[in-house]
Structures are given as structure tokens and as C-alpha cells.
Amino acid sequence: MTDVSSRPARLNIGVVGAGRVGTVLAAALARAGHHVTGVHAVSRQSTDRADRLLPNAARRTPDEITTTSDLVLLTTPDDVLADVVAGLAQQDAFQPGQLVVHTSGRHGLAVLDPATRLGVLPLALHPVMTFAGAPEDIDRLAGASFGVTAPEPLRAVAEALVIEMGGEPVWVPEEARPVYHAALAWGANYLATITTSAAQLLTGAGVDNPQRLLAPLLGATLDNALRRGDTALTGPVARGDAETVRVHIEALREHAPELIPAYVALARLTAERALQSGLLKPALAEGLLEVLAAQ
């Protein structure tokens, strides 16, 4: 393996973990002119995905990939990443001067320590985007942010790779990775849960096309929240309409009791933020919080 200073512009890339993220990022790098030479896929779904997005990549074992690639994309689930790195390091499968990139949001560079001790060049490049594992995902990378953690000498390399994939690097300190990832999961994952739950409730209320109601409402809410912060809060909790909140909870008790704990928790959090921002008057908050405490 050559070191970064003399590495050719085009890299041989191997993918360990042909999930939605790995196949899309590898396909984006292939579009930029790199060569995806090997991919490790276990399930039938992963194999089919690799066949669609990386048709020219050979099926290889993880150790074959790490011993033949200039850049290794480790795109396994967060909870097994450390074991995968340690296992490959024990096999001496990593090569000095090799770029090893993981895409975990939670982890920084420490998880790659076993490989780094063997002389690899570690990078953490987390795409702030949701993926379906489909070809259109590659286009969605255009302008998407990547949470990047890299050693100082490799910052330019990390930046170049992100830009080649169409993204924008956002530098995240090693120690901040867990809270960075928690913030993204809180915003994106639970937004999806809230949206699908709202659609389910509307369907139960007899609405034939709940998406038609929700799309403009939620789109405007997201836009207002991003631009205006807590001053964009609206609805019965922000107004202190305690009786309306009580009626909501009774309706949920009949139609979707499993949503009550989440509704109450989010109502409390919303009330606190509305109080802090001055939207909710303390006198009205008292009655509202009494309703929530009774649940």
C-alpha cells in the first residue's frame, strides 16, 4: 500500500457490509471515478442490493477486501463495528497506509484503534441522510452533510472524499460523537415515528388519505421550527389548553393507548420549552401540567 501523499487519484474500494449506507456511498464513489472492486454481503437482500448498485464489484470475504483495497468502507451496524474491526485486526488483514472509513454516527476514531495500530489511516464519515438502498439515494447525497471526525493530517483527505460523494463535511470532535448522533436520531427517527403514528390515527378517524393532510402541515412545521426555533411552537400545549389535552388523552386511551406515554412525555417537554420561551403563561401551565400528571 502507498501512503496518502503518493496515492493515485482513483482508489480501489472495498465494502464490508452491503447495507443501505455502504452500497449507496460506494456507488457514489464509483460515480466519482473510483473502482469498487469488492463487496461483502451476507443476506439475500444485501446481495440483491449490491447487484443493483455495485454490479462490477466481486463478492469477497471481509479479510479479502481489507487485503486488496486502498480504501475500506466499514458499514456494519454500530453495535458490531468494534468486533468487526478487532476481528480483522487479529487476522492482520489491514494494510499500512490504507484508508479505513466507517460510517457510524455514534462512533468516532477510537473504534478503529486496533486497525490504526497496524498503520491504517482512520476516518469517520457519517452521512446525515436516510437511505432506502435505491439508486435515487445517490442523488440525495448532493448537498447532504457528513459528520466527519479525522486526524488533523487527514482532514483534507476526508473533505475530498465527502465532496466527491456530493456532500458537505461538518467537523465533529471525537468526544462529541455520541451527543451528535443522539441529536440526529431524536430529530429524524422519532419524526418518522410521530408521522406514521399520526397517519395511523387519521386512518382510524376515517380519513382516506392522511398523507394529504399531513404533508403540508408537517412541512410547514419543520420549516418554521428550523427558522424560528421555539417561537414556532403552536397547538394546545403551547397555548395552555388543558381541557383539549385531556380530551386528546381520552381519545388515545380508546383508539391508541400505546401512544399515551409518548404523548404525555412530549407534551411535558413542549410545555417546558413554551414556558422558557414565554409562549406559555405560568398560570395556564399549572392546569396543563396537572392534567399530564394525572396520567
Foldseek 3Di string as FASTA:
>chain_A
DDAPVPDDPAWAEEEEEQDLVRLLLVLLSVVLPHHDAEYEDDDPVSVVLCCVRPVNHHYDDPLVRQQPTLEYEYEDDPVCLLVVLVVSLVVVSHAANGEYEYADLQAAFPSNVSNVVRHYFYKYWHWLDDGPSDNVVLVVLAATEIAIEGPPVCPVVNQVSSVSSNYGYDYDYRVCSNVRVVVSCVPPVVVVVVVVVQLVVVVVVVDPCVCVVVVVVVVVLVVCCVVPNLVSDDDCLLALVQVVLLVVQVVCVVVPPVCLVVSLVVSVVNNVSSVVVVSYDPVSNVSNVVSSVVD
